[in-house]
């Protein structure tokens, strides 16, 4: 009987071993959860970095806002009447200007009302207005401008008679286009395009020659 009573204290060892196994299982499960969490965070971070790189590449390549180009294609003088060797002051001199706006961007270029001013020897002698519009992406928009020159203002300039006597009349035009390019509501850029031209009209042949320079400002 004494020997059997001495064996009983060994029973708690089995209970301690079960408790240790449960702790080990919980620790293993926690470690797996940590690893899965770290993997998930790593994947999300990698995706965000890839998206950021792609967006930067698009911003500096495809979505980069490029300067619209404005060009004076042709100028035609439709009314230039003379009387007694001078201009008739009761009829305005009319110029028809064919202007194109080329938009190289992936989004449309919207512009407001456009004004073209005509100068002779630095004095404003006429102008014309064109309503605003939109140049589609990667397209060229053609505009027809009607410019009226007031003969009375021309005649008031002393150098006109000598120019008429030489057979050529030279004026300067200044066109300013205020517009904006907007890409996906994220990238916005305001652009001011100026086109300054020197227009020479040959009285004998009615030929018109223009020399233009374009300026861009933001």
N, C-alpha and C. Protein backbone atom coordinates (compact mmCIF):
# COMPACT_ATOMS: atom_id res chain seq x y z
N UNK A 1 0.83 -1.20 0.00
CA UNK A 1 0.00 0.00 0.00
C UNK A 1 0.86 1.25 0.00
N UNK A 2 1.94 1.21 0.72
CA UNK A 2 2.81 2.38 0.80
C UNK A 2 3.42 2.71 -0.54
N UNK A 3 3.75 1.64 -1.35
CA UNK A 3 4.37 1.88 -2.65
C UNK A 3 3.38 2.50 -3.60
N UNK A 4 2.11 2.11 -3.57
CA UNK A 4 1.10 2.69 -4.46
C UNK A 4 0.86 4.15 -4.16
N UNK A 5 0.87 4.56 -2.88
CA UNK A 5 0.67 5.96 -2.51
C UNK A 5 1.80 6.84 -2.99
N UNK A 6 3.01 6.30 -3.11
CA UNK A 6 4.14 7.09 -3.56
C UNK A 6 4.08 7.39 -5.06
N UNK A 7 3.35 6.65 -5.86
CA UNK A 7 3.27 6.84 -7.30
C UNK A 7 2.33 7.98 -7.67
N UNK A 8 1.35 8.33 -6.85
CA UNK A 8 0.32 9.32 -7.15
C UNK A 8 0.86 10.72 -7.46
N UNK A 9 1.88 11.29 -6.84
CA UNK A 9 2.34 12.67 -7.16
C UNK A 9 2.78 12.88 -8.59
N UNK A 10 3.01 11.82 -9.38
CA UNK A 10 3.45 11.97 -10.78
C UNK A 10 2.32 12.39 -11.71
N UNK A 11 1.08 12.40 -11.34
CA UNK A 11 -0.06 12.70 -12.22
C UNK A 11 -0.05 14.11 -12.77
N UNK A 12 0.28 15.19 -12.02
CA UNK A 12 0.25 16.56 -12.56
C UNK A 12 1.17 16.78 -13.75
N UNK A 13 2.16 15.96 -13.99
CA UNK A 13 3.10 16.15 -15.10
C UNK A 13 2.37 16.11 -16.44
N UNK A 14 1.41 15.20 -16.61
CA UNK A 14 0.64 15.09 -17.85
C UNK A 14 -0.15 16.36 -18.11
N UNK A 15 -0.75 16.96 -17.08
CA UNK A 15 -1.50 18.20 -17.23
C UNK A 15 -0.61 19.35 -17.66
N UNK A 16 0.60 19.46 -17.17
CA UNK A 16 1.55 20.51 -17.54
C UNK A 16 1.95 20.36 -18.99
N UNK A 17 2.11 19.09 -19.43
CA UNK A 17 2.49 18.86 -20.83
C UNK A 17 1.40 19.30 -21.77
N UNK A 18 0.14 19.09 -21.47
CA UNK A 18 -0.99 19.52 -22.30
C UNK A 18 -1.03 21.04 -22.38
N UNK A 19 -0.81 21.69 -21.23
CA UNK A 19 -0.83 23.17 -21.22
C UNK A 19 0.31 23.73 -22.07
N UNK A 20 1.47 23.08 -22.03
CA UNK A 20 2.62 23.52 -22.83
C UNK A 20 2.33 23.36 -24.32
N UNK A 21 1.67 22.29 -24.72
CA UNK A 21 1.32 22.08 -26.13
C UNK A 21 0.35 23.14 -26.62
N UNK A 22 -0.61 23.51 -25.81
CA UNK A 22 -1.56 24.56 -26.20
C UNK A 22 -0.85 25.89 -26.39
N UNK A 23 0.09 26.21 -25.49
CA UNK A 23 0.83 27.47 -25.63
C UNK A 23 1.66 27.48 -26.91
N UNK A 24 2.26 26.32 -27.21
CA UNK A 24 3.08 26.24 -28.43
C UNK A 24 2.22 26.40 -29.68
N UNK A 25 1.01 25.81 -29.66
CA UNK A 25 0.11 25.93 -30.81
C UNK A 25 -0.35 27.38 -30.99
N UNK A 26 -0.67 28.04 -29.87
CA UNK A 26 -1.08 29.44 -29.96
C UNK A 26 0.07 30.32 -30.46
N UNK A 27 1.28 30.01 -29.98
CA UNK A 27 2.44 30.79 -30.43
C UNK A 27 2.69 30.60 -31.92
N UNK A 28 2.52 29.36 -32.39
CA UNK A 28 2.71 29.10 -33.82
C UNK A 28 1.65 29.80 -34.65
N UNK A 29 0.40 29.77 -34.18
CA UNK A 29 -0.68 30.45 -34.90
C UNK A 29 -0.47 31.95 -34.93
N UNK A 30 0.01 32.53 -33.85
CA UNK A 30 0.29 33.96 -33.79
C UNK A 30 1.42 34.35 -34.75
N UNK A 31 2.44 33.48 -34.80
CA UNK A 31 3.56 33.74 -35.73
C UNK A 31 3.08 33.70 -37.17
N UNK A 32 2.20 32.73 -37.49
CA UNK A 32 1.66 32.66 -38.85
C UNK A 32 0.83 33.90 -39.18
N UNK A 33 0.05 34.35 -38.21
CA UNK A 33 -0.75 35.57 -38.43
C UNK A 33 0.16 36.77 -38.67
N UNK A 34 1.25 36.86 -37.90
CA UNK A 34 2.20 37.96 -38.10
C UNK A 34 2.82 37.90 -39.50
N UNK A 35 3.20 36.68 -39.91
CA UNK A 35 3.80 36.55 -41.24
C UNK A 35 2.81 36.93 -42.33
N UNK A 36 1.57 36.46 -42.19
CA UNK A 36 0.56 36.81 -43.19
C UNK A 36 0.30 38.32 -43.22
N UNK A 37 0.30 38.92 -42.04
CA UNK A 37 0.09 40.37 -41.97
C UNK A 37 1.23 41.13 -42.65
N UNK A 38 2.46 40.69 -42.37
CA UNK A 38 3.63 41.33 -42.99
C UNK A 38 3.62 41.14 -44.50
N UNK A 39 3.23 39.93 -44.95
CA UNK A 39 3.15 39.68 -46.40
C UNK A 39 2.10 40.59 -47.05
N UNK A 40 0.95 40.71 -46.35
CA UNK A 40 -0.13 41.56 -46.88
C UNK A 40 0.33 43.01 -46.96
N UNK A 41 0.99 43.50 -45.91
CA UNK A 41 1.49 44.88 -45.92
C UNK A 41 2.54 45.08 -47.01
N UNK A 42 3.39 44.06 -47.19
CA UNK A 42 4.40 44.14 -48.23
C UNK A 42 3.79 44.21 -49.62
N UNK A 43 2.76 43.39 -49.84
CA UNK A 43 2.08 43.39 -51.14
C UNK A 43 1.41 44.73 -51.41
N UNK A 44 0.72 45.27 -50.40
CA UNK A 44 0.04 46.56 -50.56
C UNK A 44 1.05 47.66 -50.84
N UNK A 45 2.16 47.66 -50.09
CA UNK A 45 3.21 48.67 -50.31
C UNK A 45 3.79 48.57 -51.71
N UNK A 46 4.03 47.33 -52.16
CA UNK A 46 4.59 47.14 -53.51
C UNK A 46 3.63 47.65 -54.58
N UNK A 47 2.33 47.35 -54.41
CA UNK A 47 1.34 47.82 -55.38
C UNK A 47 1.28 49.34 -55.41
N UNK A 48 1.30 49.96 -54.22
CA UNK A 48 1.27 51.42 -54.15
C UNK A 48 2.50 52.04 -54.81
N UNK A 49 3.65 51.44 -54.59
CA UNK A 49 4.88 51.94 -55.21
C UNK A 49 4.81 51.82 -56.74
N UNK A 50 4.30 50.69 -57.21
CA UNK A 50 4.17 50.49 -58.66
C UNK A 50 3.21 51.53 -59.24
N UNK A 51 2.07 51.74 -58.56
CA UNK A 51 1.12 52.75 -59.03
C UNK A 51 1.74 54.14 -59.05
N UNK A 52 2.50 54.47 -58.02
CA UNK A 52 3.15 55.78 -57.96
C UNK A 52 4.13 55.95 -59.12
N UNK A 53 4.92 54.90 -59.40
CA UNK A 53 5.88 54.97 -60.50
C UNK A 53 5.15 55.12 -61.84
N UNK A 54 4.06 54.35 -62.01
CA UNK A 54 3.29 54.43 -63.26
C UNK A 54 2.70 55.83 -63.45
N UNK A 55 2.14 56.39 -62.36
CA UNK A 55 1.55 57.73 -62.44
C UNK A 55 2.63 58.77 -62.78
N UNK A 56 3.81 58.65 -62.17
CA UNK A 56 4.89 59.59 -62.47
C UNK A 56 5.32 59.48 -63.93
N UNK A 57 5.40 58.25 -64.43
CA UNK A 57 5.78 58.06 -65.83
C UNK A 57 4.75 58.69 -66.75
N UNK A 58 3.45 58.48 -66.43
CA UNK A 58 2.40 59.06 -67.26
C UNK A 58 2.41 60.58 -67.21
N UNK A 59 2.65 61.12 -66.00
CA UNK A 59 2.66 62.59 -65.85
C UNK A 59 3.76 63.22 -66.69
N UNK A 60 4.92 62.56 -66.74
CA UNK A 60 6.05 63.15 -67.46
C UNK A 60 6.14 62.70 -68.92
N UNK A 61 5.21 61.84 -69.35
CA UNK A 61 5.22 61.42 -70.76
C UNK A 61 3.87 61.69 -71.42
N UNK A 62 2.93 60.76 -71.23
CA UNK A 62 1.64 60.85 -71.92
C UNK A 62 0.85 62.06 -71.45
N UNK A 63 0.82 62.31 -70.12
CA UNK A 63 0.00 63.38 -69.56
C UNK A 63 0.74 64.70 -69.46
N UNK A 64 1.92 64.79 -70.01
CA UNK A 64 2.63 66.06 -69.97
C UNK A 64 1.94 67.07 -70.87
N UNK A 65 1.66 68.24 -70.32
CA UNK A 65 0.96 69.28 -71.08
C UNK A 65 1.93 69.94 -72.05
N UNK A 66 1.60 69.88 -73.33
CA UNK A 66 2.44 70.48 -74.36
C UNK A 66 1.82 71.78 -74.85
N UNK A 67 2.66 72.63 -75.39
CA UNK A 67 2.22 73.95 -75.83
C UNK A 67 1.40 73.85 -77.12
N UNK A 68 0.19 74.42 -77.12
CA UNK A 68 -0.56 74.51 -78.38
C UNK A 68 0.18 75.41 -79.37
N UNK A 69 -0.04 75.15 -80.65
CA UNK A 69 0.63 75.93 -81.69
C UNK A 69 -0.42 76.67 -82.51
N UNK A 70 -0.23 77.97 -82.64
CA UNK A 70 -1.13 78.80 -83.44
C UNK A 70 -0.38 79.29 -84.67
N UNK A 71 -1.06 79.26 -85.81
CA UNK A 71 -0.39 79.59 -87.07
C UNK A 71 -1.32 80.41 -87.97
N UNK A 72 -0.72 81.41 -88.61
CA UNK A 72 -1.45 82.19 -89.61
C UNK A 72 -1.22 81.54 -90.97
N UNK A 73 -2.25 80.90 -91.50
CA UNK A 73 -2.09 80.17 -92.75
C UNK A 73 -2.15 81.08 -93.98
N UNK A 74 -3.10 81.99 -93.96
CA UNK A 74 -3.27 82.86 -95.13
C UNK A 74 -4.05 84.11 -94.74
N UNK A 75 -3.69 85.21 -95.39
CA UNK A 75 -4.40 86.48 -95.20
C UNK A 75 -4.85 86.97 -96.56
N UNK A 76 -6.13 87.33 -96.65
CA UNK A 76 -6.70 87.83 -97.91
C UNK A 76 -7.30 89.20 -97.68
N UNK A 77 -6.97 90.13 -98.56
CA UNK A 77 -7.56 91.48 -98.49
C UNK A 77 -8.76 91.51 -99.43
N UNK A 78 -9.94 91.65 -98.85
CA UNK A 78 -11.16 91.61 -99.67
C UNK A 78 -11.64 92.99 -100.09
N UNK A 79 -11.31 94.01 -99.31
CA UNK A 79 -11.75 95.37 -99.65
C UNK A 79 -10.64 96.36 -99.38
N UNK A 80 -10.14 96.96 -100.44
CA UNK A 80 -9.16 98.03 -100.33
C UNK A 80 -9.42 98.98 -101.50
N UNK A 81 -10.28 99.94 -101.27
CA UNK A 81 -10.75 100.82 -102.34
C UNK A 81 -9.99 102.15 -102.35
N UNK A 82 -9.62 102.57 -103.53
CA UNK A 82 -8.92 103.85 -103.69
C UNK A 82 -9.81 104.84 -104.43
N UNK A 83 -9.60 106.10 -104.12
CA UNK A 83 -10.29 107.19 -104.81
C UNK A 83 -9.34 108.37 -104.88
N UNK A 84 -9.05 108.81 -106.13
CA UNK A 84 -8.12 109.91 -106.35
C UNK A 84 -6.73 109.63 -105.74
N UNK A 85 -6.30 108.39 -105.87
CA UNK A 85 -4.96 108.02 -105.40
C UNK A 85 -4.84 107.85 -103.91
N UNK A 86 -5.93 107.80 -103.20
CA UNK A 86 -5.90 107.60 -101.75
C UNK A 86 -7.02 106.65 -101.35
N UNK A 87 -7.01 106.24 -100.10
CA UNK A 87 -8.03 105.30 -99.62
C UNK A 87 -9.37 105.98 -99.43
N UNK A 88 -10.41 105.25 -99.78
CA UNK A 88 -11.75 105.75 -99.48
C UNK A 88 -12.00 105.62 -97.99
N UNK A 89 -12.44 106.67 -97.38
CA UNK A 89 -12.63 106.67 -95.94
C UNK A 89 -14.02 106.22 -95.52
N UNK A 90 -14.91 106.00 -96.48
CA UNK A 90 -16.26 105.55 -96.13
C UNK A 90 -16.39 104.04 -96.19
N UNK A 91 -15.35 103.32 -96.58
CA UNK A 91 -15.38 101.85 -96.66
C UNK A 91 -14.19 101.29 -95.91
N UNK A 92 -14.46 100.44 -94.93
CA UNK A 92 -13.39 99.83 -94.16
C UNK A 92 -12.59 98.84 -95.01
N UNK A 93 -11.29 98.76 -94.74
CA UNK A 93 -10.44 97.74 -95.36
C UNK A 93 -10.66 96.44 -94.59
N UNK A 94 -10.97 95.37 -95.30
CA UNK A 94 -11.28 94.09 -94.65
C UNK A 94 -10.21 93.05 -94.96
N UNK A 95 -9.72 92.43 -93.90
CA UNK A 95 -8.77 91.32 -94.04
C UNK A 95 -9.43 90.05 -93.55
N UNK A 96 -9.27 88.97 -94.30
CA UNK A 96 -9.73 87.65 -93.88
C UNK A 96 -8.51 86.82 -93.53
N UNK A 97 -8.43 86.40 -92.28
CA UNK A 97 -7.27 85.64 -91.81
C UNK A 97 -7.67 84.20 -91.52
N UNK A 98 -6.93 83.27 -92.10
CA UNK A 98 -7.12 81.83 -91.85
C UNK A 98 -6.09 81.41 -90.81
N UNK A 99 -6.57 81.13 -89.61
CA UNK A 99 -5.69 80.80 -88.49
C UNK A 99 -5.99 79.38 -88.02
N UNK A 100 -4.95 78.64 -87.67
CA UNK A 100 -5.13 77.27 -87.16
C UNK A 100 -4.50 77.16 -85.77
N UNK A 101 -5.17 76.39 -84.92
CA UNK A 101 -4.66 76.10 -83.58
C UNK A 101 -4.46 74.59 -83.48
N UNK A 102 -3.22 74.18 -83.34
CA UNK A 102 -2.88 72.76 -83.25
C UNK A 102 -2.71 72.37 -81.79
N UNK A 103 -3.43 71.34 -81.36
CA UNK A 103 -3.39 70.88 -79.98
C UNK A 103 -2.70 69.51 -79.92
N UNK A 104 -1.46 69.44 -79.40
CA UNK A 104 -0.74 68.16 -79.35
C UNK A 104 -0.99 67.35 -78.08
N UNK A 105 -1.93 67.77 -77.24
CA UNK A 105 -2.16 67.12 -75.96
C UNK A 105 -3.18 65.99 -76.05
N UNK A 106 -3.24 65.18 -74.97
CA UNK A 106 -4.20 64.08 -74.90
C UNK A 106 -5.57 64.56 -74.43
N UNK A 107 -5.67 65.82 -74.08
CA UNK A 107 -6.95 66.41 -73.68
C UNK A 107 -7.20 67.65 -74.54
N UNK A 108 -8.45 68.08 -74.58
CA UNK A 108 -8.81 69.22 -75.41
C UNK A 108 -8.24 70.52 -74.85
N UNK A 109 -8.03 71.46 -75.75
CA UNK A 109 -7.55 72.80 -75.39
C UNK A 109 -8.71 73.77 -75.58
N UNK A 110 -9.21 74.30 -74.46
CA UNK A 110 -10.33 75.24 -74.49
C UNK A 110 -9.80 76.67 -74.40
N UNK A 111 -10.34 77.53 -75.23
CA UNK A 111 -9.88 78.91 -75.23
C UNK A 111 -11.06 79.87 -75.25
N UNK A 112 -10.84 81.05 -74.73
CA UNK A 112 -11.88 82.06 -74.64
C UNK A 112 -11.89 82.92 -75.90
N UNK A 113 -12.72 83.97 -75.88
CA UNK A 113 -12.81 84.87 -77.04
C UNK A 113 -11.44 85.42 -77.41
N UNK A 114 -11.19 85.43 -78.70
CA UNK A 114 -9.88 85.85 -79.21
C UNK A 114 -9.98 87.18 -79.93
N UNK A 115 -9.04 88.06 -79.64
CA UNK A 115 -9.00 89.38 -80.28
C UNK A 115 -7.70 89.52 -81.08
N UNK A 116 -7.83 89.98 -82.32
CA UNK A 116 -6.67 90.27 -83.16
C UNK A 116 -6.65 91.77 -83.43
N UNK A 117 -5.54 92.40 -83.09
CA UNK A 117 -5.39 93.84 -83.29
C UNK A 117 -4.46 94.12 -84.46
N UNK A 118 -4.79 95.17 -85.24
CA UNK A 118 -3.99 95.57 -86.39
C UNK A 118 -3.32 96.92 -86.09
N UNK A 119 -2.00 96.97 -86.30
CA UNK A 119 -1.25 98.19 -86.03
C UNK A 119 -0.54 98.66 -87.31
N UNK A 120 -0.48 99.98 -87.46
CA UNK A 120 0.29 100.56 -88.55
C UNK A 120 1.22 101.61 -87.96
N UNK A 121 2.51 101.34 -88.09
CA UNK A 121 3.53 102.20 -87.48
C UNK A 121 3.28 102.40 -85.99
N UNK A 122 2.88 101.32 -85.32
CA UNK A 122 2.67 101.35 -83.87
C UNK A 122 1.33 101.89 -83.43
N UNK A 123 0.47 102.32 -84.36
CA UNK A 123 -0.84 102.87 -84.01
C UNK A 123 -1.93 101.85 -84.31
N UNK A 124 -2.85 101.66 -83.36
CA UNK A 124 -3.96 100.73 -83.56
C UNK A 124 -4.92 101.29 -84.61
N UNK A 125 -5.11 100.54 -85.69
CA UNK A 125 -5.98 101.01 -86.78
C UNK A 125 -7.16 100.07 -87.04
N UNK A 126 -7.22 98.93 -86.39
CA UNK A 126 -8.34 98.01 -86.61
C UNK A 126 -8.19 96.77 -85.75
N UNK A 127 -9.25 95.96 -85.71
CA UNK A 127 -9.23 94.72 -84.94
C UNK A 127 -10.36 93.80 -85.39
N UNK A 128 -10.30 92.59 -84.89
CA UNK A 128 -11.35 91.61 -85.16
C UNK A 128 -11.48 90.67 -83.98
N UNK A 129 -12.66 90.11 -83.77
CA UNK A 129 -12.91 89.22 -82.65
C UNK A 129 -13.44 87.87 -83.14
N UNK A 130 -13.00 86.82 -82.43
CA UNK A 130 -13.43 85.46 -82.75
C UNK A 130 -13.94 84.81 -81.48
N UNK A 131 -15.11 84.16 -81.50
CA UNK A 131 -15.63 83.52 -80.29
C UNK A 131 -14.75 82.37 -79.83
N UNK A 132 -14.84 82.06 -78.53
CA UNK A 132 -14.07 80.97 -77.96
C UNK A 132 -14.48 79.62 -78.53
N UNK A 133 -13.68 78.63 -78.26
CA UNK A 133 -13.96 77.30 -78.79
C UNK A 133 -13.11 76.24 -78.12
N UNK A 134 -13.00 75.10 -78.78
CA UNK A 134 -12.25 73.96 -78.23
C UNK A 134 -11.51 73.25 -79.35
N UNK A 135 -10.22 73.07 -79.15
CA UNK A 135 -9.42 72.29 -80.08
C UNK A 135 -9.30 70.87 -79.53
N UNK A 136 -9.88 69.86 -80.19
CA UNK A 136 -9.83 68.49 -79.66
C UNK A 136 -8.41 67.97 -79.52
N UNK A 137 -8.26 66.90 -78.76
CA UNK A 137 -6.95 66.31 -78.53
C UNK A 137 -6.34 65.82 -79.84
N UNK A 138 -5.08 66.14 -80.03
CA UNK A 138 -4.31 65.73 -81.21
C UNK A 138 -4.99 66.15 -82.51
N UNK A 139 -5.66 67.29 -82.49
CA UNK A 139 -6.32 67.80 -83.69
C UNK A 139 -5.92 69.26 -83.92
N UNK A 140 -6.23 69.73 -85.13
CA UNK A 140 -5.98 71.12 -85.50
C UNK A 140 -7.30 71.80 -85.81
N UNK A 141 -7.56 72.91 -85.14
CA UNK A 141 -8.79 73.66 -85.33
C UNK A 141 -8.51 74.86 -86.23
N UNK A 142 -9.32 75.03 -87.25
CA UNK A 142 -9.17 76.17 -88.17
C UNK A 142 -10.16 77.26 -87.79
N UNK A 143 -9.66 78.51 -87.77
CA UNK A 143 -10.49 79.66 -87.45
C UNK A 143 -10.40 80.67 -88.60
N UNK A 144 -11.53 81.24 -88.93
CA UNK A 144 -11.58 82.31 -89.93
C UNK A 144 -11.88 83.62 -89.22
N UNK A 145 -10.93 84.53 -89.26
CA UNK A 145 -11.06 85.82 -88.58
C UNK A 145 -11.30 86.93 -89.61
N UNK A 146 -12.26 87.79 -89.31
CA UNK A 146 -12.52 88.97 -90.14
C UNK A 146 -11.99 90.19 -89.41
N UNK A 147 -11.02 90.88 -90.04
CA UNK A 147 -10.37 92.03 -89.42
C UNK A 147 -10.72 93.28 -90.21
N UNK A 148 -11.23 94.28 -89.54
CA UNK A 148 -11.61 95.54 -90.18
C UNK A 148 -10.60 96.63 -89.82
N UNK A 149 -10.07 97.28 -90.85
CA UNK A 149 -9.16 98.41 -90.66
C UNK A 149 -9.91 99.69 -91.03
N UNK A 150 -9.86 100.66 -90.15
CA UNK A 150 -10.57 101.93 -90.37
C UNK A 150 -9.67 102.86 -91.19
N UNK A 151 -10.07 103.21 -92.43
CA UNK A 151 -9.23 104.05 -93.30
C UNK A 151 -8.88 105.40 -92.69
N UNK A 152 -9.80 105.99 -91.95
CA UNK A 152 -9.54 107.32 -91.37
C UNK A 152 -8.34 107.27 -90.43
N UNK A 153 -8.19 106.17 -89.70
CA UNK A 153 -7.04 106.06 -88.80
C UNK A 153 -5.75 105.87 -89.59
N UNK A 154 -5.86 105.14 -90.71
CA UNK A 154 -4.68 104.98 -91.56
C UNK A 154 -4.25 106.32 -92.16
N UNK A 155 -5.22 107.05 -92.67
CA UNK A 155 -4.91 108.32 -93.33
C UNK A 155 -4.32 109.35 -92.37
N UNK A 156 -4.59 109.19 -91.08
CA UNK A 156 -4.07 110.15 -90.11
C UNK A 156 -2.58 109.95 -89.83
N UNK A 157 -2.01 108.83 -90.35
CA UNK A 157 -0.59 108.54 -90.11
C UNK A 157 0.23 109.09 -91.29
N UNK A 158 1.21 109.95 -91.03
CA UNK A 158 1.94 110.63 -92.12
C UNK A 158 2.63 109.70 -93.10
N UNK A 159 3.08 108.53 -92.66
CA UNK A 159 3.84 107.65 -93.55
C UNK A 159 3.01 106.88 -94.55
N UNK A 160 1.69 106.99 -94.50
CA UNK A 160 0.84 106.18 -95.38
C UNK A 160 1.04 106.55 -96.85
N UNK A 161 1.09 107.84 -97.18
CA UNK A 161 1.18 108.25 -98.58
C UNK A 161 2.45 107.72 -99.24
N UNK A 162 3.56 107.76 -98.51
CA UNK A 162 4.80 107.25 -99.09
C UNK A 162 4.73 105.74 -99.30
N UNK A 163 4.08 105.01 -98.37
CA UNK A 163 3.94 103.56 -98.54
C UNK A 163 3.05 103.23 -99.73
N UNK A 164 1.96 103.98 -99.88
CA UNK A 164 1.08 103.75 -101.03
C UNK A 164 1.82 104.07 -102.33
N UNK A 165 2.66 105.08 -102.29
CA UNK A 165 3.43 105.43 -103.48
C UNK A 165 4.44 104.35 -103.85
N UNK A 166 4.95 103.61 -102.85
CA UNK A 166 5.90 102.53 -103.12
C UNK A 166 5.22 101.27 -103.64
N UNK A 167 3.89 101.23 -103.53
CA UNK A 167 3.14 100.07 -104.03
C UNK A 167 2.96 98.96 -103.02
N UNK A 168 3.29 99.19 -101.77
CA UNK A 168 3.15 98.16 -100.73
C UNK A 168 2.68 98.80 -99.43
N UNK A 169 1.81 98.08 -98.75
CA UNK A 169 1.29 98.54 -97.47
C UNK A 169 1.59 97.45 -96.43
N UNK A 170 2.30 97.83 -95.38
CA UNK A 170 2.71 96.86 -94.35
C UNK A 170 2.07 97.21 -93.02
N UNK A 171 1.41 96.23 -92.43
CA UNK A 171 0.80 96.39 -91.11
C UNK A 171 1.24 95.23 -90.22
N UNK A 172 1.05 95.40 -88.92
CA UNK A 172 1.36 94.34 -87.96
C UNK A 172 0.07 93.87 -87.28
N UNK A 173 -0.01 92.57 -87.06
CA UNK A 173 -1.17 92.00 -86.36
C UNK A 173 -0.70 91.32 -85.09
N UNK A 174 -1.55 91.36 -84.07
CA UNK A 174 -1.24 90.72 -82.80
C UNK A 174 -2.47 89.95 -82.34
N UNK A 175 -2.32 88.63 -82.24
CA UNK A 175 -3.41 87.76 -81.81
C UNK A 175 -3.04 87.11 -80.49
N UNK A 176 -3.95 87.20 -79.54
CA UNK A 176 -3.71 86.60 -78.22
C UNK A 176 -4.82 85.60 -77.91
N UNK A 177 -4.42 84.36 -77.58
CA UNK A 177 -5.37 83.29 -77.27
C UNK A 177 -5.16 82.84 -75.83
N UNK A 178 -6.18 83.01 -74.99
CA UNK A 178 -6.15 82.54 -73.61
C UNK A 178 -6.86 81.19 -73.55
N UNK A 179 -6.15 80.16 -73.09
CA UNK A 179 -6.76 78.84 -73.04
C UNK A 179 -6.30 78.03 -71.85
N UNK A 180 -6.84 76.80 -71.77
CA UNK A 180 -6.50 75.91 -70.67
C UNK A 180 -6.58 74.47 -71.13
N UNK A 181 -5.62 73.67 -70.64
CA UNK A 181 -5.62 72.23 -70.88
C UNK A 181 -5.90 71.55 -69.55
N UNK A 182 -6.88 70.66 -69.52
CA UNK A 182 -7.26 69.96 -68.30
C UNK A 182 -7.29 68.46 -68.56
N UNK A 183 -6.45 67.70 -67.81
CA UNK A 183 -6.33 66.26 -68.01
C UNK A 183 -6.83 65.54 -66.77
N UNK A 184 -7.93 64.79 -66.93
CA UNK A 184 -8.48 63.92 -65.88
C UNK A 184 -8.71 64.65 -64.56
N UNK A 185 -9.06 65.90 -64.61
CA UNK A 185 -9.37 66.71 -63.43
C UNK A 185 -8.20 66.80 -62.45
N UNK A 186 -7.02 66.32 -62.85
CA UNK A 186 -5.86 66.36 -61.96
C UNK A 186 -4.82 67.36 -62.43
N UNK A 187 -4.60 67.40 -63.73
CA UNK A 187 -3.55 68.25 -64.29
C UNK A 187 -4.22 69.40 -65.04
N UNK A 188 -3.98 70.61 -64.59
CA UNK A 188 -4.55 71.80 -65.23
C UNK A 188 -3.42 72.78 -65.55
N UNK A 189 -3.48 73.33 -66.72
CA UNK A 189 -2.45 74.28 -67.12
C UNK A 189 -3.06 75.37 -67.99
N UNK A 190 -2.88 76.61 -67.55
CA UNK A 190 -3.35 77.75 -68.33
C UNK A 190 -2.25 78.21 -69.28
N UNK A 191 -2.64 78.50 -70.50
CA UNK A 191 -1.68 78.86 -71.53
C UNK A 191 -2.15 80.13 -72.25
N UNK A 192 -1.23 81.03 -72.51
CA UNK A 192 -1.51 82.21 -73.32
C UNK A 192 -0.60 82.14 -74.55
N UNK A 193 -1.23 82.04 -75.72
CA UNK A 193 -0.49 81.94 -76.97
C UNK A 193 -0.62 83.26 -77.72
N UNK A 194 0.51 83.85 -78.08
CA UNK A 194 0.52 85.11 -78.83
C UNK A 194 1.12 84.87 -80.21
N UNK A 195 0.46 85.43 -81.21
CA UNK A 195 0.94 85.33 -82.58
C UNK A 195 1.08 86.74 -83.14
N UNK A 196 2.31 87.16 -83.36
CA UNK A 196 2.59 88.48 -83.90
C UNK A 196 3.06 88.34 -85.35
N UNK A 197 2.37 89.03 -86.26
CA UNK A 197 2.67 88.88 -87.69
C UNK A 197 2.92 90.24 -88.33
N UNK A 198 3.79 90.23 -89.32
CA UNK A 198 3.99 91.38 -90.19
C UNK A 198 3.36 91.05 -91.54
N UNK A 199 2.37 91.81 -91.94
CA UNK A 199 1.59 91.53 -93.15
C UNK A 199 1.87 92.63 -94.18
N UNK A 200 2.33 92.21 -95.34
CA UNK A 200 2.65 93.16 -96.42
C UNK A 200 1.73 92.90 -97.60
N UNK A 201 1.02 93.97 -98.02
CA UNK A 201 0.07 93.87 -99.14
C UNK A 201 0.65 94.59 -100.36
N UNK A 202 0.78 93.84 -101.46
CA UNK A 202 1.27 94.42 -102.71
C UNK A 202 0.07 94.97 -103.48
N UNK A 203 0.05 96.29 -103.64
CA UNK A 203 -1.11 96.94 -104.24
C UNK A 203 -1.29 96.54 -105.70
N UNK A 204 -0.19 96.38 -106.43
CA UNK A 204 -0.28 96.07 -107.86
C UNK A 204 -0.75 94.64 -108.11
N UNK A 205 -0.20 93.68 -107.37
CA UNK A 205 -0.51 92.27 -107.62
C UNK A 205 -1.57 91.72 -106.66
N UNK A 206 -1.96 92.48 -105.63
CA UNK A 206 -2.89 92.07 -104.56
C UNK A 206 -2.39 90.85 -103.78
N UNK A 207 -1.10 90.56 -103.91
CA UNK A 207 -0.53 89.45 -103.15
C UNK A 207 -0.27 89.88 -101.71
N UNK A 208 -0.40 88.92 -100.79
CA UNK A 208 -0.19 89.19 -99.37
C UNK A 208 0.92 88.27 -98.86
N UNK A 209 1.85 88.85 -98.16
CA UNK A 209 2.93 88.08 -97.56
C UNK A 209 2.95 88.33 -96.06
N UNK A 210 3.02 87.23 -95.29
CA UNK A 210 3.02 87.38 -93.84
C UNK A 210 4.23 86.68 -93.22
N UNK A 211 4.75 87.27 -92.18
CA UNK A 211 5.86 86.70 -91.42
C UNK A 211 5.46 86.73 -89.94
N UNK A 212 5.33 85.55 -89.34
CA UNK A 212 4.76 85.46 -88.00
C UNK A 212 5.73 84.84 -86.99
N UNK A 213 5.59 85.26 -85.74
CA UNK A 213 6.35 84.69 -84.64
C UNK A 213 5.39 84.36 -83.51
N UNK A 214 5.62 83.19 -82.90
CA UNK A 214 4.73 82.70 -81.85
C UNK A 214 5.43 82.81 -80.49
N UNK A 215 4.65 83.20 -79.46
CA UNK A 215 5.17 83.31 -78.11
C UNK A 215 4.21 82.59 -77.16
N UNK A 216 4.78 81.87 -76.18
CA UNK A 216 3.98 81.13 -75.20
C UNK A 216 4.28 81.67 -73.80
N UNK A 217 3.24 81.87 -73.02
CA UNK A 217 3.40 82.26 -71.62
C UNK A 217 2.37 81.51 -70.79
N UNK A 218 2.62 81.43 -69.46
CA UNK A 218 1.76 80.64 -68.57
C UNK A 218 1.29 81.49 -67.40
